Amino acid sequence: MVNAGAMSGSGNLMDFLDEPFPDVGTYEDFHTIDWLREKSRDTDRHRKITSKSKESIWEFIKSLLDAWSGWVVMLLIGLLAGTLAGVIDLAVDWMTDLKEGVCLSAFWYSHEQCCWTSNETTFEDRDKCPLWQKWSELLVNQSEVLSAAAAA
């Protein structure tokens, strides 16, 4: 039954809400979420943090961390999403160039990255990078070397 202290206003609202309501499920049986109870718990938690924040500097810092925790989580999610997008972009660029050829100095470089260090190429002559080899050139030269070695 309902607590008499909770109905008269002298008790805590949470005492009243902790008693199970008939026909209302709890979290364990996955039926419903009681939003009123959750809002009340959050309000009580916020009041407790606010009243404690006046006790010391440490409690004040903890209250600031609690207030900014949602923004910090959103910032971290945004940074993680941006980093993941950058990694995907670099991987797609590398895989696209890997279909055409390979960098002889470092296979993980894309065509553009491979030719950055080459002082022999300009923007107009970007396809003449000596470090970048197309698969056709690489395999034809290998077959000529192998056939010359077999003939000797």
N, C-alpha and C. Protein backbone atom coordinates (compact mmCIF):
# COMPACT_ATOMS: atom_id res chain seq x y z
N MET A 1 0.82 -1.19 0.00
CA MET A 1 0.00 0.00 0.00
C MET A 1 0.86 1.25 0.00
N VAL A 2 0.22 2.39 -0.09
CA VAL A 2 0.91 3.67 -0.21
C VAL A 2 1.34 4.13 1.16
N ASN A 3 2.51 4.65 1.24
CA ASN A 3 3.09 5.15 2.47
C ASN A 3 2.35 6.42 2.90
N ALA A 4 1.95 6.50 4.13
CA ALA A 4 1.20 7.67 4.62
C ALA A 4 2.07 8.91 4.63
N GLY A 5 3.37 8.75 4.90
CA GLY A 5 4.28 9.90 4.92
C GLY A 5 4.46 10.50 3.54
N ALA A 6 4.44 9.65 2.51
CA ALA A 6 4.61 10.14 1.14
C ALA A 6 3.38 10.92 0.69
N MET A 7 2.21 10.53 1.13
CA MET A 7 0.99 11.22 0.72
C MET A 7 0.83 12.55 1.44
N SER A 8 1.34 12.66 2.66
CA SER A 8 1.17 13.91 3.40
C SER A 8 2.21 14.94 3.00
N GLY A 9 3.23 14.54 2.22
CA GLY A 9 4.22 15.50 1.76
C GLY A 9 5.46 15.53 2.62
N SER A 10 5.49 14.80 3.74
CA SER A 10 6.67 14.84 4.61
C SER A 10 7.75 13.88 4.14
N GLY A 11 7.41 12.89 3.31
CA GLY A 11 8.39 11.92 2.84
C GLY A 11 8.97 12.33 1.49
N ASN A 12 9.88 11.51 1.03
CA ASN A 12 10.51 11.74 -0.26
C ASN A 12 9.62 11.16 -1.36
N LEU A 13 9.57 11.80 -2.49
CA LEU A 13 8.77 11.32 -3.61
C LEU A 13 9.26 9.96 -4.08
N MET A 14 10.56 9.70 -3.94
CA MET A 14 11.12 8.43 -4.38
C MET A 14 10.60 7.27 -3.54
N ASP A 15 10.26 7.51 -2.25
CA ASP A 15 9.69 6.45 -1.43
C ASP A 15 8.37 5.99 -2.00
N PHE A 16 7.60 6.92 -2.49
CA PHE A 16 6.32 6.60 -3.08
C PHE A 16 6.48 5.88 -4.42
N LEU A 17 7.47 6.31 -5.21
CA LEU A 17 7.64 5.76 -6.55
C LEU A 17 8.34 4.41 -6.55
N ASP A 18 9.07 4.06 -5.48
CA ASP A 18 9.76 2.79 -5.44
C ASP A 18 8.84 1.61 -5.24
N GLU A 19 7.64 1.86 -4.75
CA GLU A 19 6.69 0.77 -4.58
C GLU A 19 6.12 0.40 -5.95
N PRO A 20 6.00 -0.89 -6.22
CA PRO A 20 5.52 -1.29 -7.54
C PRO A 20 4.06 -0.95 -7.76
N PHE A 21 3.77 -0.48 -8.95
CA PHE A 21 2.40 -0.20 -9.33
C PHE A 21 1.81 -1.46 -9.96
N PRO A 22 0.56 -1.71 -9.73
CA PRO A 22 -0.04 -2.87 -10.39
C PRO A 22 -0.15 -2.62 -11.90
N ASP A 23 0.08 -3.64 -12.69
CA ASP A 23 -0.01 -3.60 -14.15
C ASP A 23 1.07 -2.75 -14.82
N VAL A 24 2.10 -2.36 -14.09
CA VAL A 24 3.21 -1.61 -14.67
C VAL A 24 4.45 -2.47 -14.52
N GLY A 25 5.10 -2.80 -15.65
CA GLY A 25 6.27 -3.64 -15.61
C GLY A 25 7.48 -2.91 -15.08
N THR A 26 8.50 -3.64 -14.76
CA THR A 26 9.75 -3.04 -14.31
C THR A 26 10.80 -3.30 -15.37
N TYR A 27 12.02 -2.82 -15.13
CA TYR A 27 13.08 -2.99 -16.10
C TYR A 27 13.43 -4.46 -16.31
N GLU A 28 13.31 -5.28 -15.29
CA GLU A 28 13.72 -6.67 -15.39
C GLU A 28 12.87 -7.46 -16.38
N ASP A 29 11.58 -7.14 -16.49
CA ASP A 29 10.74 -7.91 -17.41
C ASP A 29 10.54 -7.19 -18.75
N PHE A 30 11.24 -6.08 -18.97
CA PHE A 30 11.30 -5.39 -20.25
C PHE A 30 9.92 -4.98 -20.80
N HIS A 31 9.02 -4.60 -19.94
CA HIS A 31 7.70 -4.18 -20.42
C HIS A 31 7.65 -2.68 -20.70
N THR A 32 7.94 -1.87 -19.70
CA THR A 32 7.84 -0.42 -19.89
C THR A 32 8.96 0.28 -19.16
N ILE A 33 9.11 1.54 -19.49
CA ILE A 33 9.99 2.43 -18.76
C ILE A 33 9.09 3.48 -18.14
N ASP A 34 9.22 3.65 -16.86
CA ASP A 34 8.41 4.64 -16.15
C ASP A 34 9.14 5.98 -16.22
N TRP A 35 8.77 6.80 -17.17
CA TRP A 35 9.46 8.06 -17.41
C TRP A 35 9.28 9.02 -16.24
N LEU A 36 8.17 8.99 -15.57
CA LEU A 36 7.96 9.85 -14.42
C LEU A 36 8.94 9.51 -13.31
N ARG A 37 9.13 8.23 -13.05
CA ARG A 37 10.08 7.82 -12.02
C ARG A 37 11.49 8.22 -12.41
N GLU A 38 11.86 8.02 -13.67
CA GLU A 38 13.20 8.39 -14.12
C GLU A 38 13.44 9.89 -14.02
N LYS A 39 12.46 10.69 -14.38
CA LYS A 39 12.59 12.14 -14.27
C LYS A 39 12.72 12.55 -12.81
N SER A 40 11.96 11.91 -11.94
CA SER A 40 12.03 12.21 -10.51
C SER A 40 13.40 11.84 -9.94
N ARG A 41 13.91 10.70 -10.33
CA ARG A 41 15.25 10.29 -9.87
C ARG A 41 16.32 11.26 -10.36
N ASP A 42 16.21 11.68 -11.59
CA ASP A 42 17.19 12.61 -12.13
C ASP A 42 17.11 13.96 -11.42
N THR A 43 15.90 14.41 -11.12
CA THR A 43 15.73 15.66 -10.39
C THR A 43 16.33 15.57 -8.99
N ASP A 44 16.09 14.46 -8.30
CA ASP A 44 16.67 14.26 -6.97
C ASP A 44 18.19 14.22 -7.04
N ARG A 45 18.73 13.53 -8.06
CA ARG A 45 20.18 13.46 -8.22
C ARG A 45 20.77 14.84 -8.49
N HIS A 46 20.09 15.62 -9.31
CA HIS A 46 20.56 16.97 -9.61
C HIS A 46 20.53 17.86 -8.37
N ARG A 47 19.48 17.75 -7.57
CA ARG A 47 19.40 18.54 -6.32
C ARG A 47 20.53 18.16 -5.37
N LYS A 48 20.81 16.88 -5.26
CA LYS A 48 21.87 16.43 -4.37
C LYS A 48 23.22 16.95 -4.82
N ILE A 49 23.48 16.90 -6.12
CA ILE A 49 24.76 17.40 -6.65
C ILE A 49 24.87 18.90 -6.46
N THR A 50 23.79 19.62 -6.68
CA THR A 50 23.80 21.09 -6.53
C THR A 50 24.03 21.47 -5.07
N SER A 51 23.40 20.78 -4.15
CA SER A 51 23.60 21.13 -2.73
C SER A 51 25.00 20.77 -2.27
N LYS A 52 25.57 19.68 -2.77
CA LYS A 52 26.93 19.30 -2.39
C LYS A 52 27.98 20.22 -3.00
N SER A 53 27.66 20.84 -4.15
CA SER A 53 28.66 21.66 -4.84
C SER A 53 29.06 22.88 -4.02
N LYS A 54 28.26 23.26 -3.04
CA LYS A 54 28.59 24.41 -2.20
C LYS A 54 29.48 24.04 -1.04
N GLU A 55 29.72 22.74 -0.84
CA GLU A 55 30.52 22.29 0.30
C GLU A 55 32.01 22.47 0.09
N SER A 56 32.52 22.18 -1.11
CA SER A 56 33.96 22.28 -1.35
C SER A 56 34.22 22.51 -2.83
N ILE A 57 35.45 22.83 -3.10
CA ILE A 57 35.86 23.05 -4.49
C ILE A 57 35.76 21.74 -5.28
N TRP A 58 36.16 20.63 -4.66
CA TRP A 58 36.10 19.35 -5.35
C TRP A 58 34.68 18.98 -5.76
N GLU A 59 33.73 19.21 -4.86
CA GLU A 59 32.34 18.92 -5.17
C GLU A 59 31.82 19.85 -6.27
N PHE A 60 32.31 21.09 -6.29
CA PHE A 60 31.94 22.04 -7.34
C PHE A 60 32.46 21.55 -8.70
N ILE A 61 33.70 21.07 -8.71
CA ILE A 61 34.29 20.54 -9.95
C ILE A 61 33.51 19.32 -10.42
N LYS A 62 33.13 18.45 -9.47
CA LYS A 62 32.34 17.28 -9.84
C LYS A 62 30.98 17.68 -10.41
N SER A 63 30.39 18.75 -9.87
CA SER A 63 29.10 19.19 -10.41
C SER A 63 29.26 19.76 -11.82
N LEU A 64 30.37 20.45 -12.08
CA LEU A 64 30.63 20.94 -13.44
C LEU A 64 30.83 19.78 -14.41
N LEU A 65 31.56 18.76 -13.97
CA LEU A 65 31.76 17.59 -14.83
C LEU A 65 30.44 16.89 -15.13
N ASP A 66 29.56 16.83 -14.13
CA ASP A 66 28.25 16.22 -14.36
C ASP A 66 27.42 17.05 -15.34
N ALA A 67 27.52 18.36 -15.22
CA ALA A 67 26.74 19.22 -16.10
C ALA A 67 27.24 19.16 -17.54
N TRP A 68 28.53 19.01 -17.75
CA TRP A 68 29.10 19.01 -19.09
C TRP A 68 29.30 17.61 -19.66
N SER A 69 28.92 16.57 -18.93
CA SER A 69 29.21 15.21 -19.39
C SER A 69 28.52 14.89 -20.72
N GLY A 70 27.31 15.36 -20.92
CA GLY A 70 26.62 15.11 -22.19
C GLY A 70 27.33 15.76 -23.36
N TRP A 71 27.81 16.98 -23.15
CA TRP A 71 28.52 17.68 -24.23
C TRP A 71 29.86 17.01 -24.52
N VAL A 72 30.52 16.54 -23.48
CA VAL A 72 31.81 15.86 -23.68
C VAL A 72 31.60 14.57 -24.47
N VAL A 73 30.56 13.83 -24.14
CA VAL A 73 30.27 12.60 -24.88
C VAL A 73 29.98 12.92 -26.34
N MET A 74 29.19 13.96 -26.60
CA MET A 74 28.88 14.33 -27.98
C MET A 74 30.14 14.78 -28.73
N LEU A 75 31.03 15.50 -28.04
CA LEU A 75 32.29 15.91 -28.65
C LEU A 75 33.13 14.69 -29.02
N LEU A 76 33.24 13.74 -28.11
CA LEU A 76 34.03 12.54 -28.38
C LEU A 76 33.43 11.72 -29.51
N ILE A 77 32.12 11.63 -29.56
CA ILE A 77 31.46 10.90 -30.66
C ILE A 77 31.74 11.59 -31.99
N GLY A 78 31.67 12.92 -32.01
CA GLY A 78 31.96 13.67 -33.23
C GLY A 78 33.40 13.50 -33.69
N LEU A 79 34.35 13.55 -32.74
CA LEU A 79 35.75 13.35 -33.10
C LEU A 79 36.00 11.94 -33.61
N LEU A 80 35.38 10.97 -32.97
CA LEU A 80 35.53 9.59 -33.41
C LEU A 80 34.93 9.38 -34.79
N ALA A 81 33.76 9.96 -35.05
CA ALA A 81 33.13 9.82 -36.36
C ALA A 81 33.97 10.49 -37.44
N GLY A 82 34.54 11.66 -37.14
CA GLY A 82 35.39 12.34 -38.10
C GLY A 82 36.67 11.58 -38.39
N THR A 83 37.26 11.01 -37.35
CA THR A 83 38.47 10.21 -37.54
C THR A 83 38.18 8.97 -38.37
N LEU A 84 37.08 8.32 -38.07
CA LEU A 84 36.70 7.13 -38.84
C LEU A 84 36.44 7.48 -40.30
N ALA A 85 35.79 8.60 -40.55
CA ALA A 85 35.54 9.04 -41.93
C ALA A 85 36.85 9.32 -42.65
N GLY A 86 37.81 9.93 -41.97
CA GLY A 86 39.12 10.20 -42.57
C GLY A 86 39.86 8.92 -42.91
N VAL A 87 39.81 7.95 -42.00
CA VAL A 87 40.48 6.67 -42.25
C VAL A 87 39.83 5.95 -43.43
N ILE A 88 38.51 5.99 -43.49
CA ILE A 88 37.80 5.36 -44.62
C ILE A 88 38.17 6.05 -45.93
N ASP A 89 38.25 7.38 -45.92
CA ASP A 89 38.61 8.12 -47.13
C ASP A 89 40.01 7.74 -47.61
N LEU A 90 40.97 7.66 -46.68
CA LEU A 90 42.33 7.27 -47.06
C LEU A 90 42.38 5.84 -47.57
N ALA A 91 41.63 4.94 -46.94
CA ALA A 91 41.61 3.54 -47.37
C ALA A 91 41.00 3.39 -48.76
N VAL A 92 39.95 4.14 -49.03
CA VAL A 92 39.32 4.07 -50.36
C VAL A 92 40.27 4.61 -51.42
N ASP A 93 40.95 5.69 -51.11
CA ASP A 93 41.92 6.26 -52.05
C ASP A 93 43.04 5.26 -52.34
N TRP A 94 43.54 4.63 -51.29
CA TRP A 94 44.61 3.65 -51.46
C TRP A 94 44.14 2.44 -52.26
N MET A 95 42.96 1.93 -51.94
CA MET A 95 42.45 0.75 -52.65
C MET A 95 42.15 1.05 -54.11
N THR A 96 41.69 2.26 -54.39
CA THR A 96 41.44 2.65 -55.78
C THR A 96 42.74 2.68 -56.57
N ASP A 97 43.78 3.24 -55.98
CA ASP A 97 45.07 3.29 -56.66
C ASP A 97 45.73 1.92 -56.73
N LEU A 98 45.43 1.06 -55.76
CA LEU A 98 46.01 -0.28 -55.75
C LEU A 98 45.55 -1.10 -56.95
N LYS A 99 44.38 -0.77 -57.49
CA LYS A 99 43.91 -1.46 -58.69
C LYS A 99 44.81 -1.14 -59.88
N GLU A 100 45.41 0.04 -59.91
CA GLU A 100 46.21 0.48 -61.05
C GLU A 100 47.68 0.16 -60.91
N GLY A 101 48.21 0.25 -59.68
CA GLY A 101 49.64 0.02 -59.51
C GLY A 101 50.02 0.02 -58.05
N VAL A 102 51.33 0.14 -57.84
CA VAL A 102 51.86 0.08 -56.48
C VAL A 102 53.05 1.02 -56.36
N CYS A 103 53.24 1.54 -55.17
CA CYS A 103 54.39 2.39 -54.88
C CYS A 103 55.55 1.48 -54.49
N LEU A 104 56.69 1.64 -55.15
CA LEU A 104 57.82 0.77 -54.88
C LEU A 104 58.50 1.08 -53.55
N SER A 105 58.43 2.31 -53.10
CA SER A 105 59.09 2.66 -51.84
C SER A 105 58.29 2.22 -50.63
N ALA A 106 56.96 2.29 -50.72
CA ALA A 106 56.10 1.87 -49.61
C ALA A 106 54.74 1.49 -50.21
N PHE A 107 54.35 0.24 -50.12
CA PHE A 107 53.14 -0.22 -50.79
C PHE A 107 51.87 0.41 -50.22
N TRP A 108 51.90 0.94 -49.01
CA TRP A 108 50.70 1.52 -48.40
C TRP A 108 50.45 2.96 -48.86
N TYR A 109 51.32 3.51 -49.69
CA TYR A 109 51.10 4.85 -50.21
C TYR A 109 50.18 4.79 -51.43
N SER A 110 49.31 5.79 -51.52
CA SER A 110 48.52 5.93 -52.74
C SER A 110 49.42 6.57 -53.81
N HIS A 111 48.89 6.71 -55.01
CA HIS A 111 49.67 7.29 -56.10
C HIS A 111 50.13 8.70 -55.73
N GLU A 112 49.23 9.48 -55.20
CA GLU A 112 49.57 10.86 -54.85
C GLU A 112 50.62 10.91 -53.74
N GLN A 113 50.45 10.10 -52.71
CA GLN A 113 51.41 10.10 -51.60
C GLN A 113 52.78 9.59 -52.03
N CYS A 114 52.79 8.64 -52.93
CA CYS A 114 54.05 8.07 -53.40
C CYS A 114 54.87 9.12 -54.14
N CYS A 115 54.21 9.97 -54.90
CA CYS A 115 54.92 10.95 -55.72
C CYS A 115 55.20 12.27 -54.99
N TRP A 116 54.73 12.41 -53.76
CA TRP A 116 55.03 13.63 -53.01
C TRP A 116 56.52 13.80 -52.79
N THR A 117 57.20 12.71 -52.49
CA THR A 117 58.63 12.80 -52.17
C THR A 117 59.51 12.88 -53.41
N SER A 118 58.96 12.59 -54.57
CA SER A 118 59.75 12.60 -55.80
C SER A 118 59.91 14.04 -56.28
N ASN A 119 61.14 14.49 -56.36
CA ASN A 119 61.42 15.84 -56.83
C ASN A 119 61.47 15.92 -58.35
N GLU A 120 61.37 14.77 -59.00
CA GLU A 120 61.49 14.73 -60.45
C GLU A 120 60.18 14.99 -61.16
N THR A 121 59.08 15.05 -60.43
CA THR A 121 57.79 15.21 -61.08
C THR A 121 57.17 16.55 -60.73
N THR A 122 56.38 17.04 -61.64
CA THR A 122 55.59 18.25 -61.42
C THR A 122 54.13 17.86 -61.53
N PHE A 123 53.26 18.83 -61.36
CA PHE A 123 51.83 18.52 -61.43
C PHE A 123 51.45 18.05 -62.82
N GLU A 124 52.05 18.63 -63.84
CA GLU A 124 51.74 18.22 -65.21
C GLU A 124 52.26 16.81 -65.49
N ASP A 125 53.36 16.44 -64.89
CA ASP A 125 53.99 15.14 -65.15
C ASP A 125 53.74 14.15 -64.00
N ARG A 126 52.59 14.22 -63.40
CA ARG A 126 52.33 13.38 -62.22
C ARG A 126 52.25 11.89 -62.55
N ASP A 127 52.01 11.56 -63.81
CA ASP A 127 51.97 10.15 -64.20
C ASP A 127 53.36 9.59 -64.50
N LYS A 128 54.38 10.42 -64.44
CA LYS A 128 55.74 9.98 -64.73
C LYS A 128 56.58 9.80 -63.46
N CYS A 129 55.93 9.55 -62.37
CA CYS A 129 56.63 9.36 -61.09
C CYS A 129 57.44 8.06 -61.13
N PRO A 130 58.74 8.10 -60.87
CA PRO A 130 59.55 6.88 -60.97
C PRO A 130 59.26 5.87 -59.86
N LEU A 131 58.72 6.31 -58.74
CA LEU A 131 58.44 5.38 -57.64
C LEU A 131 57.13 4.64 -57.82
N TRP A 132 56.24 5.16 -58.66
CA TRP A 132 54.93 4.53 -58.88
C TRP A 132 55.01 3.65 -60.12
N GLN A 133 54.67 2.39 -59.95
CA GLN A 133 54.69 1.46 -61.07
C GLN A 133 53.29 0.92 -61.29
N LYS A 134 52.84 0.99 -62.54
CA LYS A 134 51.56 0.37 -62.87
C LYS A 134 51.78 -1.14 -62.90
N TRP A 135 50.70 -1.88 -62.65
CA TRP A 135 50.80 -3.33 -62.61
C TRP A 135 51.26 -3.88 -63.96
N SER A 136 50.77 -3.28 -65.03
CA SER A 136 51.16 -3.78 -66.36
C SER A 136 52.66 -3.60 -66.58
N GLU A 137 53.21 -2.45 -66.22
CA GLU A 137 54.63 -2.21 -66.37
C GLU A 137 55.45 -3.12 -65.47
N LEU A 138 54.97 -3.29 -64.26
CA LEU A 138 55.70 -4.11 -63.29
C LEU A 138 55.72 -5.58 -63.70
N LEU A 139 54.58 -6.09 -64.17
CA LEU A 139 54.52 -7.50 -64.55
C LEU A 139 55.20 -7.77 -65.88
N VAL A 140 55.14 -6.84 -66.83
CA VAL A 140 55.81 -7.03 -68.12
C VAL A 140 57.31 -7.01 -67.92
N ASN A 141 57.80 -6.09 -67.11
CA ASN A 141 59.24 -6.03 -66.86
C ASN A 141 59.69 -7.28 -66.11
N GLN A 142 58.87 -7.79 -65.20
CA GLN A 142 59.23 -9.01 -64.47
C GLN A 142 59.29 -10.20 -65.43
N SER A 143 58.35 -10.28 -66.36
CA SER A 143 58.34 -11.42 -67.29
C SER A 143 59.53 -11.35 -68.24
N GLU A 144 59.95 -10.14 -68.64
CA GLU A 144 61.14 -9.99 -69.49
C GLU A 144 62.39 -10.40 -68.74
N VAL A 145 62.47 -10.05 -67.46
CA VAL A 145 63.64 -10.42 -66.67
C VAL A 145 63.67 -11.93 -66.45
N LEU A 146 62.49 -12.53 -66.19
CA LEU A 146 62.43 -13.96 -65.99
C LEU A 146 62.76 -14.73 -67.27
N SER A 147 62.26 -14.25 -68.40
CA SER A 147 62.57 -14.93 -69.66
C SER A 147 64.03 -14.77 -70.05
N ALA A 148 64.63 -13.64 -69.74
CA ALA A 148 66.05 -13.43 -70.02
C ALA A 148 66.90 -14.32 -69.10
N ALA A 149 66.45 -14.49 -67.84
CA ALA A 149 67.19 -15.34 -66.91
C ALA A 149 67.06 -16.81 -67.31
N ALA A 150 65.90 -17.19 -67.83
CA ALA A 150 65.68 -18.58 -68.26
C ALA A 150 66.48 -18.89 -69.51
N ALA A 151 66.63 -17.91 -70.40
CA ALA A 151 67.37 -18.12 -71.64
C ALA A 151 68.86 -18.22 -71.37
N ALA A 152 69.34 -17.55 -70.35
CA ALA A 152 70.77 -17.55 -70.05
C ALA A 152 71.11 -18.81 -69.34
